[in-house]
Amino acid sequence: MIDVVLCVPSCDGPIRKAFEVTGVTPAVASTGRLNEVIALEPADGFAGAVINAAGFPFTEAMNLCRQLRHRDRPVSPIILLLDHYQLDDLTFREDLFDDFVVGPFDVSEVATRLRHRLRRAGNETVAARVEHGGLAMNLETYQATIAGRVMDLTYMEYELLRFLATNPYRVFTRETLLSRVWGYEYYGGARTVDVHVRRLRAKLGEEYAHLIQTVRSVGYRFGAPSEGESDED
């Protein structure tokens, strides 16, 4: 079953990438009008909603949240995307949403909050998988596939790939990766990260090795490069 999450009023840039990482399908309503939303709703209902209150009038966003909450089949979870100056306007409206993210929107943060809220709502299938650019990881069975091919990974290779893939588009230094993946008590040098990245790229294959990017003089990132950055060691 494909999980469909309502997204209003658009699903572009980091928001769309967050949906891709989480593995759910957005149903995009360009306005906050309930009739448009209902026309997009699947037979089994929305798995949740992401409302970009920075993308259309705040009162309309709150009105939509209220309507989604109080109808016969309530939508939950509801995640708000906000500008920082809108934070004060949330006072006394806490019952209308489950979580919020303040812009500028980070792919990893939006994806993590969406995955977390869907899981708390009882949607275990979303939390158990990560899919991105041909890579699919089952976080419960510790299995990874690339373009449908099972990857033969060591435990630490899997853990490094899992950490990077669940925090896409964020740059991590080698030291940060050592502490977050290997642990603070690990005494190996930063070259350990380089060796594991090289092995992962080989196992991803030439077509997908670019999924793990090298950011010069900094470290590594999972996702497409920006101008001026290299995917070479």
C-alpha atoms as a PDB file:
ATOM      1  CA  MET A   1       0.000   0.000   0.000  1.00  0.00           C
ATOM      2  CA  ILE A   2       1.323   3.421  -0.959  1.00  0.00           C
ATOM      3  CA  ASP A   3       1.085   5.997   1.816  1.00  0.00           C
ATOM      4  CA  VAL A   4      -0.256   9.340   0.603  1.00  0.00           C
ATOM      5  CA  VAL A   5       0.440  12.510   2.573  1.00  0.00           C
ATOM      6  CA  LEU A   6      -1.363  15.756   1.791  1.00  0.00           C
ATOM      7  CA  CYS A   7       0.990  18.634   0.915  1.00  0.00           C
ATOM      8  CA  VAL A   8      -0.283  22.235   0.670  1.00  0.00           C
ATOM      9  CA  PRO A   9       0.243  24.513  -1.267  1.00  0.00           C
ATOM     10  CA  SER A  10       3.236  23.028  -3.135  1.00  0.00           C
ATOM     11  CA  CYS A  11       5.822  20.277  -2.906  1.00  0.00           C
ATOM     12  CA  ASP A  12       9.051  21.632  -4.339  1.00  0.00           C
ATOM     13  CA  GLY A  13      12.733  21.750  -3.458  1.00  0.00           C
ATOM     14  CA  PRO A  14      13.646  20.370  -0.012  1.00  0.00           C
ATOM     15  CA  ILE A  15      10.031  19.468   0.744  1.00  0.00           C
ATOM     16  CA  ARG A  16       9.785  17.135  -2.251  1.00  0.00           C
ATOM     17  CA  LYS A  17      13.189  15.659  -1.451  1.00  0.00           C
ATOM     18  CA  ALA A  18      12.007  14.995   2.115  1.00  0.00           C
ATOM     19  CA  PHE A  19       9.027  13.088   0.746  1.00  0.00           C
ATOM     20  CA  GLU A  20      11.319  11.054  -1.499  1.00  0.00           C
ATOM     21  CA  VAL A  21      13.602  10.174   1.397  1.00  0.00           C
ATOM     22  CA  THR A  22      10.690   9.214   3.628  1.00  0.00           C
ATOM     23  CA  GLY A  23       9.174   7.042   0.924  1.00  0.00           C
ATOM     24  CA  VAL A  24       5.656   8.472   0.937  1.00  0.00           C
ATOM     25  CA  THR A  25       3.700  10.008  -1.941  1.00  0.00           C
ATOM     26  CA  PRO A  26       2.605  13.665  -1.798  1.00  0.00           C
ATOM     27  CA  ALA A  27      -0.890  14.687  -2.855  1.00  0.00           C
ATOM     28  CA  VAL A  28      -0.424  18.355  -3.691  1.00  0.00           C
ATOM     29  CA  ALA A  29      -3.300  20.815  -3.232  1.00  0.00           C
ATOM     30  CA  SER A  30      -2.465  24.274  -4.529  1.00  0.00           C
ATOM     31  CA  THR A  31      -4.924  25.987  -2.157  1.00  0.00           C
ATOM     32  CA  GLY A  32      -6.337  25.464   1.297  1.00  0.00           C
ATOM     33  CA  ARG A  33      -9.850  24.894   0.007  1.00  0.00           C
ATOM     34  CA  LEU A  34     -11.315  21.745   1.502  1.00  0.00           C
ATOM     35  CA  ASN A  35     -13.103  20.686  -1.686  1.00  0.00           C
ATOM     36  CA  GLU A  36      -9.754  20.531  -3.532  1.00  0.00           C
ATOM     37  CA  VAL A  37      -8.238  18.525  -0.696  1.00  0.00           C
ATOM     38  CA  ILE A  38     -11.112  16.039  -0.616  1.00  0.00           C
ATOM     39  CA  ALA A  39     -10.826  15.488  -4.377  1.00  0.00           C
ATOM     40  CA  LEU A  40      -7.222  14.317  -3.864  1.00  0.00           C
ATOM     41  CA  GLU A  41      -7.908  12.021  -0.902  1.00  0.00           C
ATOM     42  CA  PRO A  42      -7.345   8.289  -1.492  1.00  0.00           C
ATOM     43  CA  ALA A  43     -10.002   5.768  -0.510  1.00  0.00           C
ATOM     44  CA  ASP A  44      -8.164   4.829   2.684  1.00  0.00           C
ATOM     45  CA  GLY A  45      -7.544   8.461   3.665  1.00  0.00           C
ATOM     46  CA  PHE A  46      -4.418  10.556   4.005  1.00  0.00           C
ATOM     47  CA  ALA A  47      -1.575   9.165   6.113  1.00  0.00           C
ATOM     48  CA  GLY A  48      -0.895  12.732   7.293  1.00  0.00           C
ATOM     49  CA  ALA A  49      -0.444  16.297   6.051  1.00  0.00           C
ATOM     50  CA  VAL A  50       2.376  18.790   5.549  1.00  0.00           C
ATOM     51  CA  ILE A  51       1.042  22.341   5.503  1.00  0.00           C
ATOM     52  CA  ASN A  52       3.442  25.072   4.430  1.00  0.00           C
ATOM     53  CA  ALA A  53       2.055  28.030   6.368  1.00  0.00           C
ATOM     54  CA  ALA A  54       4.852  30.148   4.900  1.00  0.00           C
ATOM     55  CA  GLY A  55       3.559  29.479   1.409  1.00  0.00           C
ATOM     56  CA  PHE A  56       0.073  31.005   1.678  1.00  0.00           C
ATOM     57  CA  PRO A  57      -1.864  33.207   4.140  1.00  0.00           C
ATOM     58  CA  PHE A  58      -1.412  32.012   7.718  1.00  0.00           C
ATOM     59  CA  THR A  59      -5.120  32.288   8.565  1.00  0.00           C
ATOM     60  CA  GLU A  60      -5.947  30.057   5.599  1.00  0.00           C
ATOM     61  CA  ALA A  61      -3.360  27.522   6.732  1.00  0.00           C
ATOM     62  CA  MET A  62      -4.828  27.445  10.251  1.00  0.00           C
ATOM     63  CA  ASN A  63      -8.346  27.175   8.898  1.00  0.00           C
ATOM     64  CA  LEU A  64      -7.329  24.178   6.803  1.00  0.00           C
ATOM     65  CA  CYS A  65      -5.697  22.534   9.821  1.00  0.00           C
ATOM     66  CA  ARG A  66      -8.898  23.082  11.799  1.00  0.00           C
ATOM     67  CA  GLN A  67     -11.032  21.544   9.054  1.00  0.00           C
ATOM     68  CA  LEU A  68      -8.725  18.545   8.707  1.00  0.00           C
ATOM     69  CA  ARG A  69      -8.780  17.994  12.468  1.00  0.00           C
ATOM     70  CA  HIS A  70     -12.519  18.268  13.005  1.00  0.00           C
ATOM     71  CA  ARG A  71     -14.036  16.394  10.107  1.00  0.00           C
ATOM     72  CA  ASP A  72     -15.501  12.892  10.320  1.00  0.00           C
ATOM     73  CA  ARG A  73     -12.193  11.310   9.283  1.00  0.00           C
ATOM     74  CA  PRO A  74      -9.531  13.512  10.936  1.00  0.00           C
ATOM     75  CA  VAL A  75      -6.114  13.820   9.321  1.00  0.00           C
ATOM     76  CA  SER A  76      -3.155  13.100  11.581  1.00  0.00           C
ATOM     77  CA  PRO A  77      -0.309  13.809  11.893  1.00  0.00           C
ATOM     78  CA  ILE A  78      -0.270  17.420  10.670  1.00  0.00           C
ATOM     79  CA  ILE A  79       3.154  19.054  10.299  1.00  0.00           C
ATOM     80  CA  LEU A  80       3.430  22.812   9.811  1.00  0.00           C
ATOM     81  CA  LEU A  81       6.239  24.514   7.906  1.00  0.00           C
ATOM     82  CA  LEU A  82       6.761  28.073   9.146  1.00  0.00           C
ATOM     83  CA  ASP A  83       8.758  31.235   8.868  1.00  0.00           C
ATOM     84  CA  HIS A  84      10.353  32.217  12.179  1.00  0.00           C
ATOM     85  CA  TYR A  85       8.131  35.292  12.558  1.00  0.00           C
ATOM     86  CA  GLN A  86       5.044  33.043  12.598  1.00  0.00           C
ATOM     87  CA  LEU A  87       6.033  31.207  15.775  1.00  0.00           C
ATOM     88  CA  ASP A  88       4.130  33.553  18.096  1.00  0.00           C
ATOM     89  CA  ASP A  89       0.972  32.962  16.060  1.00  0.00           C
ATOM     90  CA  LEU A  90       0.974  29.301  17.123  1.00  0.00           C
ATOM     91  CA  THR A  91      -0.001  30.213  20.688  1.00  0.00           C
ATOM     92  CA  PHE A  92      -3.367  28.690  21.642  1.00  0.00           C
ATOM     93  CA  ARG A  93      -3.446  26.792  18.347  1.00  0.00           C
ATOM     94  CA  GLU A  94      -1.410  23.806  19.532  1.00  0.00           C
ATOM     95  CA  ASP A  95      -4.393  21.481  19.089  1.00  0.00           C
ATOM     96  CA  LEU A  96      -4.398  22.074  15.329  1.00  0.00           C
ATOM     97  CA  PHE A  97      -1.042  20.445  14.510  1.00  0.00           C
ATOM     98  CA  ASP A  98       1.357  17.768  15.745  1.00  0.00           C
ATOM     99  CA  ASP A  99       4.756  19.214  14.874  1.00  0.00           C
ATOM    100  CA  PHE A 100       6.399  22.108  13.056  1.00  0.00           C
ATOM    101  CA  VAL A 101       9.606  22.996  11.211  1.00  0.00           C
ATOM    102  CA  VAL A 102      10.980  26.537  10.931  1.00  0.00           C
ATOM    103  CA  GLY A 103      12.540  27.660   7.651  1.00  0.00           C
ATOM    104  CA  PRO A 104      14.903  27.657   5.891  1.00  0.00           C
ATOM    105  CA  PHE A 105      13.783  24.058   5.473  1.00  0.00           C
ATOM    106  CA  ASP A 106      16.371  21.320   5.753  1.00  0.00           C
ATOM    107  CA  VAL A 107      15.651  18.066   3.887  1.00  0.00           C
ATOM    108  CA  SER A 108      16.924  15.908   6.718  1.00  0.00           C
ATOM    109  CA  GLU A 109      14.893  17.692   9.411  1.00  0.00           C
ATOM    110  CA  VAL A 110      11.630  17.649   7.442  1.00  0.00           C
ATOM    111  CA  ALA A 111      12.125  13.976   6.512  1.00  0.00           C
ATOM    112  CA  THR A 112      13.006  12.992  10.082  1.00  0.00           C
ATOM    113  CA  ARG A 113      10.003  14.757  11.606  1.00  0.00           C
ATOM    114  CA  LEU A 114       7.669  13.355   8.953  1.00  0.00           C
ATOM    115  CA  ARG A 115       8.982   9.825   9.428  1.00  0.00           C
ATOM    116  CA  HIS A 116       8.848  10.148  13.219  1.00  0.00           C
ATOM    117  CA  ARG A 117       5.282  11.449  13.274  1.00  0.00           C
ATOM    118  CA  LEU A 118       4.044   8.852  10.808  1.00  0.00           C
ATOM    119  CA  ARG A 119       5.630   6.136  12.905  1.00  0.00           C
ATOM    120  CA  ARG A 120       4.039   7.461  16.111  1.00  0.00           C
ATOM    121  CA  ALA A 121       0.710   7.424  14.292  1.00  0.00           C
ATOM    122  CA  GLY A 122       1.158   3.696  13.719  1.00  0.00           C
ATOM    123  CA  ASN A 123       2.665   3.697  10.230  1.00  0.00           C
ATOM    124  CA  GLU A 124       5.574   1.299  10.703  1.00  0.00           C
ATOM    125  CA  THR A 125       6.225   0.728   6.985  1.00  0.00           C
ATOM    126  CA  VAL A 126       7.374   4.314   6.518  1.00  0.00           C
ATOM    127  CA  ALA A 127       9.834   4.169   9.386  1.00  0.00           C
ATOM    128  CA  ALA A 128      11.341   0.875   8.243  1.00  0.00           C
ATOM    129  CA  ARG A 129      12.515   1.917   4.770  1.00  0.00           C
ATOM    130  CA  VAL A 130      14.726   4.535   3.166  1.00  0.00           C
ATOM    131  CA  GLU A 131      14.632   4.966  -0.609  1.00  0.00           C
ATOM    132  CA  HIS A 132      16.749   7.333  -2.655  1.00  0.00           C
ATOM    133  CA  GLY A 133      18.049   7.337  -6.216  1.00  0.00           C
ATOM    134  CA  GLY A 134      17.915   3.566  -6.749  1.00  0.00           C
ATOM    135  CA  LEU A 135      19.002   2.740  -3.196  1.00  0.00           C
ATOM    136  CA  ALA A 136      16.510   1.006  -0.901  1.00  0.00           C
ATOM    137  CA  MET A 137      17.314   0.167   2.728  1.00  0.00           C
ATOM    138  CA  ASN A 138      15.183  -1.893   5.082  1.00  0.00           C
ATOM    139  CA  LEU A 139      16.073  -0.572   8.530  1.00  0.00           C
ATOM    140  CA  GLU A 140      14.570  -3.593  10.295  1.00  0.00           C
ATOM    141  CA  THR A 141      16.244  -6.385   8.323  1.00  0.00           C
ATOM    142  CA  TYR A 142      19.547  -4.544   7.703  1.00  0.00           C
ATOM    143  CA  GLN A 143      19.235  -5.200   3.982  1.00  0.00           C
ATOM    144  CA  ALA A 144      20.217  -2.738   1.272  1.00  0.00           C
ATOM    145  CA  THR A 145      19.578  -2.996  -2.447  1.00  0.00           C
ATOM    146  CA  ILE A 146      20.727  -0.839  -5.331  1.00  0.00           C
ATOM    147  CA  ALA A 147      18.579  -0.934  -8.467  1.00  0.00           C
ATOM    148  CA  GLY A 148      17.036  -4.120  -7.082  1.00  0.00           C
ATOM    149  CA  ARG A 149      20.416  -5.797  -6.514  1.00  0.00           C
ATOM    150  CA  VAL A 150      21.200  -6.911  -2.950  1.00  0.00           C
ATOM    151  CA  MET A 151      24.342  -5.255  -1.615  1.00  0.00           C
ATOM    152  CA  ASP A 152      26.814  -7.410   0.317  1.00  0.00           C
ATOM    153  CA  LEU A 153      27.748  -5.033   3.134  1.00  0.00           C
ATOM    154  CA  THR A 154      29.669  -5.443   6.351  1.00  0.00           C
ATOM    155  CA  TYR A 155      27.984  -4.186   9.501  1.00  0.00           C
ATOM    156  CA  MET A 156      29.955  -0.923   9.588  1.00  0.00           C
ATOM    157  CA  GLU A 157      29.484  -0.336   5.856  1.00  0.00           C
ATOM    158  CA  TYR A 158      25.743  -0.691   6.366  1.00  0.00           C
ATOM    159  CA  GLU A 159      25.764   1.620   9.394  1.00  0.00           C
ATOM    160  CA  LEU A 160      27.696   4.305   7.536  1.00  0.00           C
ATOM    161  CA  LEU A 161      25.378   4.071   4.520  1.00  0.00           C
ATOM    162  CA  ARG A 162      22.322   4.114   6.775  1.00  0.00           C
ATOM    163  CA  PHE A 163      23.516   7.215   8.626  1.00  0.00           C
ATOM    164  CA  LEU A 164      24.273   9.101   5.429  1.00  0.00           C
ATOM    165  CA  ALA A 165      21.070   8.033   3.649  1.00  0.00           C
ATOM    166  CA  THR A 166      18.844   9.002   6.584  1.00  0.00           C
ATOM    167  CA  ASN A 167      20.511  12.426   6.737  1.00  0.00           C
ATOM    168  CA  PRO A 168      20.610  13.345   3.036  1.00  0.00           C
ATOM    169  CA  TYR A 169      22.091  16.541   1.624  1.00  0.00           C
ATOM    170  CA  ARG A 170      23.876  17.327   4.895  1.00  0.00           C
ATOM    171  CA  VAL A 171      27.655  17.523   4.952  1.00  0.00           C
ATOM    172  CA  PHE A 172      29.462  15.587   7.696  1.00  0.00           C
ATOM    173  CA  THR A 173      33.120  15.820   8.586  1.00  0.00           C
ATOM    174  CA  ARG A 174      35.108  12.625   8.933  1.00  0.00           C
ATOM    175  CA  GLU A 175      35.366  13.250  12.664  1.00  0.00           C
ATOM    176  CA  THR A 176      31.592  13.576  12.995  1.00  0.00           C
ATOM    177  CA  LEU A 177      31.051  10.360  11.053  1.00  0.00           C
ATOM    178  CA  LEU A 178      33.555   8.557  13.265  1.00  0.00           C
ATOM    179  CA  SER A 179      31.741   9.646  16.427  1.00  0.00           C
ATOM    180  CA  ARG A 180      28.207   9.071  15.112  1.00  0.00           C
ATOM    181  CA  VAL A 181      28.790   5.767  13.316  1.00  0.00           C
ATOM    182  CA  TRP A 182      31.763   4.159  15.039  1.00  0.00           C
ATOM    183  CA  GLY A 183      31.215   5.764  18.448  1.00  0.00           C
ATOM    184  CA  TYR A 184      33.196   8.031  20.721  1.00  0.00           C
ATOM    185  CA  GLU A 185      35.286   5.156  22.054  1.00  0.00           C
ATOM    186  CA  TYR A 186      36.633   4.246  18.616  1.00  0.00           C
ATOM    187  CA  TYR A 187      40.306   5.127  18.308  1.00  0.00           C
ATOM    188  CA  GLY A 188      40.819   4.659  14.574  1.00  0.00           C
ATOM    189  CA  GLY A 189      41.837   7.580  12.408  1.00  0.00           C
ATOM    190  CA  ALA A 190      39.742   9.582   9.984  1.00  0.00           C
ATOM    191  CA  ARG A 191      41.094   7.505   7.090  1.00  0.00           C
ATOM    192  CA  THR A 192      38.799   4.742   8.337  1.00  0.00           C
ATOM    193  CA  VAL A 193      35.901   6.766   6.951  1.00  0.00           C
ATOM    194  CA  ASP A 194      37.641   7.211   3.600  1.00  0.00           C
ATOM    195  CA  VAL A 195      38.251   3.469   3.294  1.00  0.00           C
ATOM    196  CA  HIS A 196      34.615   2.626   4.051  1.00  0.00           C
ATOM    197  CA  VAL A 197      33.333   5.274   1.636  1.00  0.00           C
ATOM    198  CA  ARG A 198      35.568   3.855  -1.089  1.00  0.00           C
ATOM    199  CA  ARG A 199      34.219   0.370  -0.445  1.00  0.00           C
ATOM    200  CA  LEU A 200      30.631   1.586  -0.428  1.00  0.00           C
ATOM    201  CA  ARG A 201      31.088   3.368  -3.746  1.00  0.00           C
ATOM    202  CA  ALA A 202      32.521   0.181  -5.254  1.00  0.00           C
ATOM    203  CA  LYS A 203      29.540  -1.818  -4.006  1.00  0.00           C
ATOM    204  CA  LEU A 204      27.061   0.800  -5.213  1.00  0.00           C
ATOM    205  CA  GLY A 205      28.609   0.427  -8.648  1.00  0.00           C
ATOM    206  CA  GLU A 206      29.759   2.998 -11.163  1.00  0.00           C
ATOM    207  CA  GLU A 207      26.228   4.184 -11.963  1.00  0.00           C
ATOM    208  CA  TYR A 208      25.345   4.942  -8.337  1.00  0.00           C
ATOM    209  CA  ALA A 209      28.713   5.731  -6.724  1.00  0.00           C
ATOM    210  CA  HIS A 210      27.855   9.431  -7.007  1.00  0.00           C
ATOM    211  CA  LEU A 211      25.230   9.023  -4.265  1.00  0.00           C
ATOM    212  CA  ILE A 212      28.042   9.540  -1.747  1.00  0.00           C
ATOM    213  CA  GLN A 213      29.629  12.895  -2.513  1.00  0.00           C
ATOM    214  CA  THR A 214      32.984  14.246  -1.375  1.00  0.00           C
ATOM    215  CA  VAL A 215      32.855  17.877  -0.279  1.00  0.00           C
ATOM    216  CA  ARG A 216      36.377  19.194  -0.645  1.00  0.00           C
ATOM    217  CA  SER A 217      38.220  20.034   2.575  1.00  0.00           C
ATOM    218  CA  VAL A 218      35.134  19.128   4.636  1.00  0.00           C
ATOM    219  CA  GLY A 219      33.872  15.555   4.402  1.00  0.00           C
ATOM    220  CA  TYR A 220      31.022  13.622   2.833  1.00  0.00           C
ATOM    221  CA  ARG A 221      27.392  14.024   1.925  1.00  0.00           C
ATOM    222  CA  PHE A 222      24.682  11.712   0.617  1.00  0.00           C
ATOM    223  CA  GLY A 223      22.916  13.266  -2.379  1.00  0.00           C
ATOM    224  CA  ALA A 224      23.583  15.316  -5.491  1.00  0.00           C
ATOM    225  CA  PRO A 225      26.479  17.823  -5.519  1.00  0.00           C
ATOM    226  CA  SER A 226      26.223  21.563  -5.892  1.00  0.00           C
ATOM    227  CA  GLU A 227      28.393  23.715  -8.124  1.00  0.00           C
ATOM    228  CA  GLY A 228      32.022  23.805  -7.086  1.00  0.00           C
ATOM    229  CA  GLU A 229      31.888  20.489  -5.219  1.00  0.00           C
ATOM    230  CA  SER A 230      33.441  17.227  -6.314  1.00  0.00           C
ATOM    231  CA  ASP A 231      32.568  13.570  -6.002  1.00  0.00           C
ATOM    232  CA  GLU A 232      36.200  12.545  -6.315  1.00  0.00           C
ATOM    233  CA  ASP A 233      38.346  11.330  -3.457  1.00  0.00           C
END
